[in-house]
Amino acid sequence: MASKIDPSDVFKYIADGRRVFNRTRAAVQAVSKSSSYPVGLTPKEEIWSLHRLRLYRYVPRVPVEERQPIPLLLVYAIITRPFIMDLRPGKSFVEFMLDRGFDIYLIDWGEPGPEDKTTSFDDYAAEYLPRAIRRVLADSGADQINLLGYCIGSIIALQYAALNPEGPVRNLVVLTAPVDQSAATDSKFSVWLDERWFDLDRVVDGMGNLPTVWIETAAQMLKPVANYVGAYLSLWERAEDPKAVQSWQAMHRWVHDGIDLPAETFRQWVRDYVRGNALLTGEHVVRGRTIDLKEITIPILNVLAEFDHIVPSAQSLPLADLVGSEDVQTEVLRAGHVGVMSGKHSKSFLWPLVADWFGERSED
């Protein structure tokens, strides 16, 4: 005997199917438009350039008499765009710091071309960053500067501070700094780039600059299910929430808007740091000078991300014992590599922490 179908159930199934269709369509549209989602909207002006590098100053938001006395230069990584620190209105570290009275400058390293394949870490730490710092000091009229480095940008900042112990840097904040590259820190990158199965010179000499798709794929494969499935499922579940969709689009654009890495920079990173752990052992030489982190005596705020799968927190933890400063504050945030700057707790914890830490140490 055939079972009876309640007509009301039919209409319910149709309604459910329509909701699934509408939500899926909205999610697909959100993905397709994410590459053009407006980001980095806080007003700024370019004040200097050097080859690919652009130096920006953000338009101050408070009167001169209420501003911090020492300018702050943001030194971001060289493989992704720096707008993660100015993602969108209300979710912008830059915006927050401007409202706290900081005079903010930003280095955008630019996108390297084939002719930049010989650019190395030495160039960033001993050429580009020093000249950018001099330009900030000239523009601001200050004789000291505060630095904030993020990821690989923190390594460049540390190198500069070690090479210039009597220089103009007053205070240094480093976020997720990959200082200790030893295998004991359980870095998957160390495994993948092991010389036993990764021919570094053959890759670099044959390919030139490392394509951003390689970098992005490697980062995504650290957590393949979360990145290739979970991210889109999260969007689908919130596809009818405009604010959630906008937040997802901004982050999705940043994740998929990387830049190539100069060939020699990649070679040096793998050979000297990932394999040689040169920053920890003190064996890295920049233009004839050995990088000795003990030469750094300025105050340092070292921020680690507990759930960082790109730079495991164990890689950042040893910094306090490696530098010569007596004022090193280490903070561990319950966040991931990106979430440490743009996660749900950043605005309530990290941003005020950084603002207060700089403010307390920048008074005359």
Protein backbone atom coordinates (compact mmCIF):
# COMPACT_ATOMS: atom_id res chain seq x y z
CA MET A 1 0.00 0.00 0.00
CA ALA A 2 1.46 3.35 -1.08
CA SER A 3 2.20 5.76 1.73
CA LYS A 4 0.34 9.00 1.80
CA ILE A 5 2.21 12.24 1.29
CA ASP A 6 1.15 15.21 3.32
CA PRO A 7 0.79 18.15 0.89
CA SER A 8 2.26 20.47 3.51
CA ASP A 9 5.49 18.44 3.43
CA VAL A 10 5.77 18.98 -0.31
CA PHE A 11 5.61 22.72 0.09
CA LYS A 12 8.16 22.49 2.91
CA TYR A 13 10.58 20.55 0.71
CA ILE A 14 10.13 23.07 -2.09
CA ALA A 15 10.75 25.95 0.31
CA ASP A 16 13.85 24.25 1.71
CA GLY A 17 15.16 23.62 -1.79
CA ARG A 18 14.59 27.25 -2.72
CA ARG A 19 16.50 28.41 0.37
CA VAL A 20 19.41 26.11 -0.44
CA PHE A 21 19.45 27.36 -4.03
CA ASN A 22 19.32 31.03 -3.01
CA ARG A 23 22.04 30.60 -0.41
CA THR A 24 24.28 28.73 -2.83
CA ARG A 25 23.75 31.37 -5.51
CA ALA A 26 24.58 34.13 -3.02
CA ALA A 27 27.76 32.30 -1.94
CA VAL A 28 28.91 31.79 -5.52
CA GLN A 29 28.30 35.46 -6.29
CA ALA A 30 30.26 36.46 -3.18
CA VAL A 31 33.24 34.38 -4.28
CA SER A 32 33.15 35.76 -7.82
CA LYS A 33 33.16 39.35 -6.55
CA SER A 34 35.75 38.91 -3.79
CA SER A 35 38.74 39.71 -6.03
CA SER A 36 37.44 43.25 -6.47
CA TYR A 37 36.21 43.79 -2.91
CA PRO A 38 37.46 47.22 -1.73
CA VAL A 39 40.26 46.93 0.84
CA GLY A 40 42.92 49.20 2.29
CA LEU A 41 40.60 52.21 2.30
CA THR A 42 42.20 54.29 5.05
CA PRO A 43 43.47 57.47 3.32
CA LYS A 44 47.23 57.56 2.71
CA GLU A 45 49.70 59.28 0.45
CA GLU A 46 52.82 58.00 -1.23
CA ILE A 47 55.79 60.01 0.01
CA TRP A 48 58.70 58.09 -1.49
CA SER A 49 59.56 55.19 -3.77
CA LEU A 50 62.60 53.10 -4.62
CA HIS A 51 62.29 50.69 -7.52
CA ARG A 52 59.32 48.46 -6.54
CA LEU A 53 59.06 49.78 -3.00
CA ARG A 54 56.45 52.37 -2.07
CA LEU A 55 56.45 54.25 1.22
CA TYR A 56 53.12 55.61 2.41
CA ARG A 57 52.06 57.92 5.18
CA TYR A 58 48.53 57.58 6.47
CA VAL A 59 46.56 60.78 6.87
CA PRO A 60 46.47 61.59 10.61
CA ARG A 61 43.08 61.50 12.32
CA VAL A 62 43.82 63.49 15.48
CA PRO A 63 45.19 67.02 16.03
CA VAL A 64 48.97 67.50 16.11
CA GLU A 65 49.04 68.16 19.84
CA GLU A 66 47.35 64.79 20.54
CA ARG A 67 49.67 62.65 18.42
CA GLN A 68 52.35 60.28 19.62
CA PRO A 69 55.82 61.86 19.43
CA ILE A 70 57.50 58.97 17.57
CA PRO A 71 56.36 57.83 14.11
CA LEU A 72 55.48 54.17 13.59
CA LEU A 73 56.68 52.27 10.51
CA LEU A 74 54.86 49.05 9.57
CA VAL A 75 57.15 46.43 8.02
CA TYR A 76 55.07 43.67 6.51
CA ALA A 77 56.04 40.39 4.83
CA ILE A 78 57.37 40.29 1.27
CA ILE A 79 55.10 37.55 -0.10
CA THR A 80 51.63 38.99 0.58
CA ARG A 81 49.94 42.37 0.37
CA PRO A 82 50.11 44.60 3.46
CA PHE A 83 46.41 45.54 3.43
CA ILE A 84 45.76 42.82 6.02
CA MET A 85 46.62 45.60 8.48
CA ASP A 86 44.01 47.86 6.88
CA LEU A 87 41.46 45.30 5.81
CA ARG A 88 38.25 47.34 5.84
CA PRO A 89 36.61 50.10 7.90
CA GLY A 90 36.03 48.93 11.45
CA LYS A 91 38.42 45.99 10.93
CA SER A 92 41.59 48.01 10.43
CA PHE A 93 44.61 48.00 12.71
CA VAL A 94 45.84 51.13 10.94
CA GLU A 95 42.55 52.90 11.56
CA PHE A 96 42.67 51.94 15.25
CA MET A 97 46.22 53.17 15.70
CA LEU A 98 45.50 56.45 13.92
CA ASP A 99 42.62 57.05 16.31
CA ARG A 100 45.07 56.49 19.18
CA GLY A 101 47.24 59.28 17.84
CA PHE A 102 49.97 57.38 16.04
CA ASP A 103 51.68 58.83 12.98
CA ILE A 104 51.78 55.75 10.75
CA TYR A 105 53.95 54.90 7.77
CA LEU A 106 53.77 51.72 5.71
CA ILE A 107 56.23 49.95 3.43
CA ASP A 108 54.71 48.22 0.42
CA TRP A 109 57.54 46.12 -1.03
CA GLY A 110 55.81 45.89 -4.39
CA GLU A 111 55.65 43.02 -6.84
CA PRO A 112 59.01 41.82 -8.21
CA GLY A 113 59.56 41.26 -11.90
CA PRO A 114 61.99 38.89 -13.62
CA GLU A 115 64.70 41.53 -13.39
CA ASP A 116 64.45 41.40 -9.57
CA LYS A 117 65.45 37.75 -9.27
CA THR A 118 68.80 38.65 -7.67
CA THR A 119 67.19 40.61 -4.82
CA SER A 120 68.07 39.00 -1.48
CA PHE A 121 67.20 39.40 2.19
CA ASP A 122 70.35 41.45 2.52
CA ASP A 123 68.87 44.02 0.15
CA TYR A 124 65.70 44.33 2.21
CA ALA A 125 67.48 44.62 5.56
CA ALA A 126 70.57 46.61 4.55
CA GLU A 127 69.31 48.72 1.65
CA TYR A 128 65.54 49.16 1.35
CA LEU A 129 64.54 49.35 5.03
CA PRO A 130 67.37 51.71 6.10
CA ARG A 131 66.54 54.13 3.29
CA ALA A 132 62.81 53.97 4.09
CA ILE A 133 63.56 54.71 7.74
CA ARG A 134 65.66 57.73 6.80
CA ARG A 135 62.81 58.98 4.64
CA VAL A 136 60.29 58.59 7.48
CA LEU A 137 62.53 60.55 9.82
CA ALA A 138 62.98 63.30 7.25
CA ASP A 139 59.24 63.47 6.54
CA SER A 140 58.15 63.43 10.19
CA GLY A 141 60.92 65.62 11.59
CA ALA A 142 61.54 63.03 14.32
CA ASP A 143 64.94 61.66 15.32
CA GLN A 144 63.61 58.27 16.43
CA ILE A 145 61.22 55.70 15.01
CA ASN A 146 59.12 52.75 16.21
CA LEU A 147 58.97 49.59 14.11
CA LEU A 148 56.33 46.88 13.84
CA GLY A 149 57.29 43.79 11.86
CA TYR A 150 54.89 41.01 10.88
CA CYS A 151 55.98 37.49 9.89
CA ILE A 152 58.97 37.74 7.52
CA GLY A 153 58.76 41.50 7.94
CA SER A 154 59.70 40.95 11.58
CA ILE A 155 62.86 39.13 10.50
CA ILE A 156 63.83 42.05 8.27
CA ALA A 157 63.18 44.43 11.17
CA LEU A 158 65.26 42.31 13.55
CA GLN A 159 68.11 42.18 11.05
CA TYR A 160 68.06 45.96 10.72
CA ALA A 161 68.00 46.43 14.50
CA ALA A 162 70.95 44.06 14.92
CA LEU A 163 72.96 45.83 12.21
CA ASN A 164 72.18 49.26 13.65
CA PRO A 165 72.29 48.97 17.46
CA GLU A 166 72.95 52.71 17.78
CA GLY A 167 70.36 53.56 15.17
CA PRO A 168 67.10 55.49 15.41
CA VAL A 169 64.77 52.61 16.38
CA ARG A 170 63.26 53.33 19.79
CA ASN A 171 60.95 50.31 20.19
CA LEU A 172 60.22 47.16 18.20
CA VAL A 173 57.10 44.99 18.01
CA VAL A 174 57.35 41.67 16.18
CA LEU A 175 54.35 39.51 15.30
CA THR A 176 54.77 35.78 14.56
CA ALA A 177 58.53 36.07 13.97
CA PRO A 178 60.01 32.82 12.55
CA VAL A 179 63.26 33.10 14.50
CA ASP A 180 63.96 29.44 15.28
CA GLN A 181 63.64 27.32 12.16
CA SER A 182 64.93 24.10 13.71
CA ALA A 183 63.07 20.87 13.02
CA ALA A 184 62.19 20.63 16.69
CA THR A 185 59.59 23.34 16.17
CA ASP A 186 57.52 20.94 14.02
CA SER A 187 57.37 23.16 10.95
CA LYS A 188 55.95 21.40 7.91
CA PHE A 189 57.86 23.81 5.70
CA SER A 190 61.10 22.46 7.15
CA VAL A 191 60.01 18.96 6.15
CA TRP A 192 58.89 19.91 2.65
CA LEU A 193 62.05 21.92 1.96
CA ASP A 194 64.45 19.31 3.30
CA GLU A 195 67.45 18.98 0.98
CA ARG A 196 66.91 15.23 0.74
CA TRP A 197 63.92 15.72 -1.54
CA PHE A 198 63.85 19.38 -2.52
CA ASP A 199 66.55 20.47 -4.96
CA LEU A 200 66.69 24.16 -4.08
CA ASP A 201 69.23 25.29 -6.65
CA ARG A 202 67.54 23.41 -9.46
CA VAL A 203 64.20 25.04 -8.66
CA VAL A 204 65.60 28.55 -8.28
CA ASP A 205 67.96 28.41 -11.25
CA GLY A 206 65.34 26.86 -13.50
CA MET A 207 62.32 28.90 -12.46
CA GLY A 208 63.58 32.27 -11.28
CA ASN A 209 61.18 34.09 -8.98
CA LEU A 210 58.99 31.77 -6.94
CA PRO A 211 55.43 32.11 -8.30
CA THR A 212 52.80 33.24 -5.84
CA VAL A 213 50.67 30.22 -6.74
CA TRP A 214 53.40 28.00 -5.27
CA ILE A 215 53.45 30.03 -2.07
CA GLU A 216 49.67 30.11 -1.79
CA THR A 217 49.30 26.38 -2.49
CA ALA A 218 51.92 25.50 0.12
CA ALA A 219 50.18 27.63 2.74
CA GLN A 220 46.78 26.16 1.83
CA MET A 221 48.08 22.59 2.00
CA LEU A 222 49.12 23.07 5.61
CA LYS A 223 45.40 22.79 6.36
CA PRO A 224 43.83 21.51 3.14
CA VAL A 225 40.38 20.62 4.45
CA ALA A 226 39.96 23.90 6.30
CA ASN A 227 41.21 25.97 3.36
CA TYR A 228 39.68 24.16 0.40
CA VAL A 229 36.40 23.08 2.02
CA GLY A 230 35.85 24.74 5.37
CA ALA A 231 36.35 28.30 4.15
CA TYR A 232 33.65 27.95 1.50
CA LEU A 233 31.30 26.05 3.78
CA SER A 234 31.64 28.88 6.28
CA LEU A 235 30.66 31.35 3.57
CA TRP A 236 27.67 29.24 2.51
CA GLU A 237 26.38 29.06 6.08
CA ARG A 238 26.53 32.86 6.40
CA ALA A 239 25.67 33.79 2.81
CA GLU A 240 22.52 35.64 3.88
CA ASP A 241 24.38 37.83 6.39
CA PRO A 242 25.77 40.85 4.46
CA LYS A 243 28.33 41.83 7.12
CA ALA A 244 29.65 38.28 7.38
CA VAL A 245 29.90 38.04 3.60
CA GLN A 246 31.83 41.32 3.37
CA SER A 247 34.26 40.15 6.03
CA TRP A 248 34.75 36.85 4.17
CA GLN A 249 35.28 38.61 0.84
CA ALA A 250 37.93 40.94 2.25
CA MET A 251 39.88 38.05 3.78
CA HIS A 252 39.45 35.88 0.69
CA ARG A 253 40.88 38.65 -1.48
CA TRP A 254 43.92 38.98 0.77
CA VAL A 255 44.54 35.21 0.85
CA HIS A 256 44.47 34.95 -2.95
CA ASP A 257 46.25 38.22 -3.78
CA GLY A 258 49.85 37.25 -3.13
CA ILE A 259 53.02 38.27 -4.93
CA ASP A 260 56.01 36.39 -6.31
CA LEU A 261 59.14 35.99 -4.20
CA PRO A 262 62.49 37.01 -5.71
CA ALA A 263 64.57 33.96 -6.61
CA GLU A 264 67.62 34.79 -4.46
CA THR A 265 65.43 35.76 -1.51
CA PHE A 266 63.81 32.34 -1.65
CA ARG A 267 67.18 30.59 -2.03
CA GLN A 268 68.58 32.49 0.93
CA TRP A 269 65.50 31.88 3.07
CA VAL A 270 65.62 28.12 2.53
CA ARG A 271 69.41 27.69 2.65
CA ASP A 272 70.31 30.06 5.48
CA TYR A 273 67.18 30.09 7.60
CA VAL A 274 64.98 27.03 7.07
CA ARG A 275 67.92 24.64 6.72
CA GLY A 276 70.76 26.52 8.40
CA ASN A 277 68.76 28.27 11.15
CA ALA A 278 71.27 31.07 10.73
CA LEU A 279 69.42 33.71 12.76
CA LEU A 280 69.44 31.43 15.79
CA THR A 281 73.02 30.24 15.40
CA GLY A 282 74.40 33.69 14.59
CA GLU A 283 75.99 32.52 11.36
CA HIS A 284 74.19 34.81 8.94
CA VAL A 285 76.39 37.48 7.35
CA VAL A 286 74.93 40.57 5.69
CA ARG A 287 77.35 42.51 3.51
CA GLY A 288 80.32 41.41 5.54
CA ARG A 289 78.67 41.85 8.94
CA THR A 290 77.41 39.00 11.12
CA ILE A 291 73.86 39.29 12.39
CA ASP A 292 74.13 39.12 16.19
CA LEU A 293 70.76 39.49 17.86
CA LYS A 294 72.53 40.26 21.16
CA GLU A 295 73.29 43.65 19.65
CA ILE A 296 69.59 44.49 19.97
CA THR A 297 69.05 46.28 23.28
CA ILE A 298 65.88 48.26 22.57
CA PRO A 299 62.51 47.24 24.11
CA ILE A 300 60.77 44.44 22.23
CA LEU A 301 57.19 43.16 22.28
CA ASN A 302 57.18 39.61 20.93
CA VAL A 303 53.68 38.42 19.95
CA LEU A 304 53.06 34.73 19.27
CA ALA A 305 49.96 33.03 17.89
CA GLU A 306 49.09 29.85 19.78
CA PHE A 307 47.35 28.20 16.83
CA ASP A 308 49.74 29.43 14.13
CA HIS A 309 50.26 26.68 11.55
CA ILE A 310 52.49 28.81 9.32
CA VAL A 311 54.90 30.06 11.97
CA PRO A 312 54.47 27.69 14.95
CA SER A 313 54.70 29.61 18.20
CA ALA A 314 57.81 27.62 19.18
CA GLN A 315 59.66 29.39 16.37
CA SER A 316 59.01 32.79 17.95
CA LEU A 317 59.38 31.90 21.62
CA PRO A 318 63.21 31.89 21.91
CA LEU A 319 63.57 35.54 20.91
CA ALA A 320 63.74 36.87 24.47
CA ASP A 321 66.84 34.75 25.14
CA LEU A 322 68.52 35.68 21.87
CA VAL A 323 68.46 39.49 22.08
CA GLY A 324 70.41 41.73 24.41
CA SER A 325 67.44 43.78 25.56
CA GLU A 326 66.41 43.77 29.20
CA ASP A 327 62.89 44.82 28.26
CA VAL A 328 61.30 41.97 26.30
CA GLN A 329 57.61 41.28 26.74
CA THR A 330 56.23 38.05 25.26
CA GLU A 331 52.52 37.65 24.64
CA VAL A 332 50.75 34.53 23.35
CA LEU A 333 47.42 35.10 21.63
CA ARG A 334 44.81 32.42 21.13
CA ALA A 335 44.75 32.96 17.40
CA GLY A 336 46.23 31.76 14.12
CA HIS A 337 48.84 33.37 11.90
CA VAL A 338 46.40 35.74 10.22
CA GLY A 339 43.91 35.93 13.07
CA VAL A 340 46.53 37.47 15.32
CA MET A 341 46.08 40.68 13.31
CA SER A 342 42.54 40.40 11.95
CA GLY A 343 40.74 37.87 14.16
CA LYS A 344 37.76 38.44 16.40
CA HIS A 345 39.94 39.21 19.44
CA SER A 346 42.45 41.47 17.68
CA LYS A 347 40.54 44.70 18.16
CA SER A 348 39.84 44.02 21.82
CA PHE A 349 43.26 42.66 22.81
CA LEU A 350 46.17 42.88 20.35
CA TRP A 351 45.55 46.36 18.98
CA PRO A 352 45.16 48.02 22.42
CA LEU A 353 48.15 46.01 23.68
CA VAL A 354 50.38 47.31 20.88
CA ALA A 355 49.10 50.89 21.24
CA ASP A 356 49.63 50.92 25.01
CA TRP A 357 53.03 49.24 24.78
CA PHE A 358 54.34 51.74 22.23
CA GLY A 359 52.75 54.65 24.07
CA GLU A 360 54.35 53.77 27.41
CA ARG A 361 57.80 53.45 25.85
CA SER A 362 57.67 56.45 23.55
CA GLU A 363 57.39 59.18 26.16
CA ASP A 364 60.31 61.59 26.46
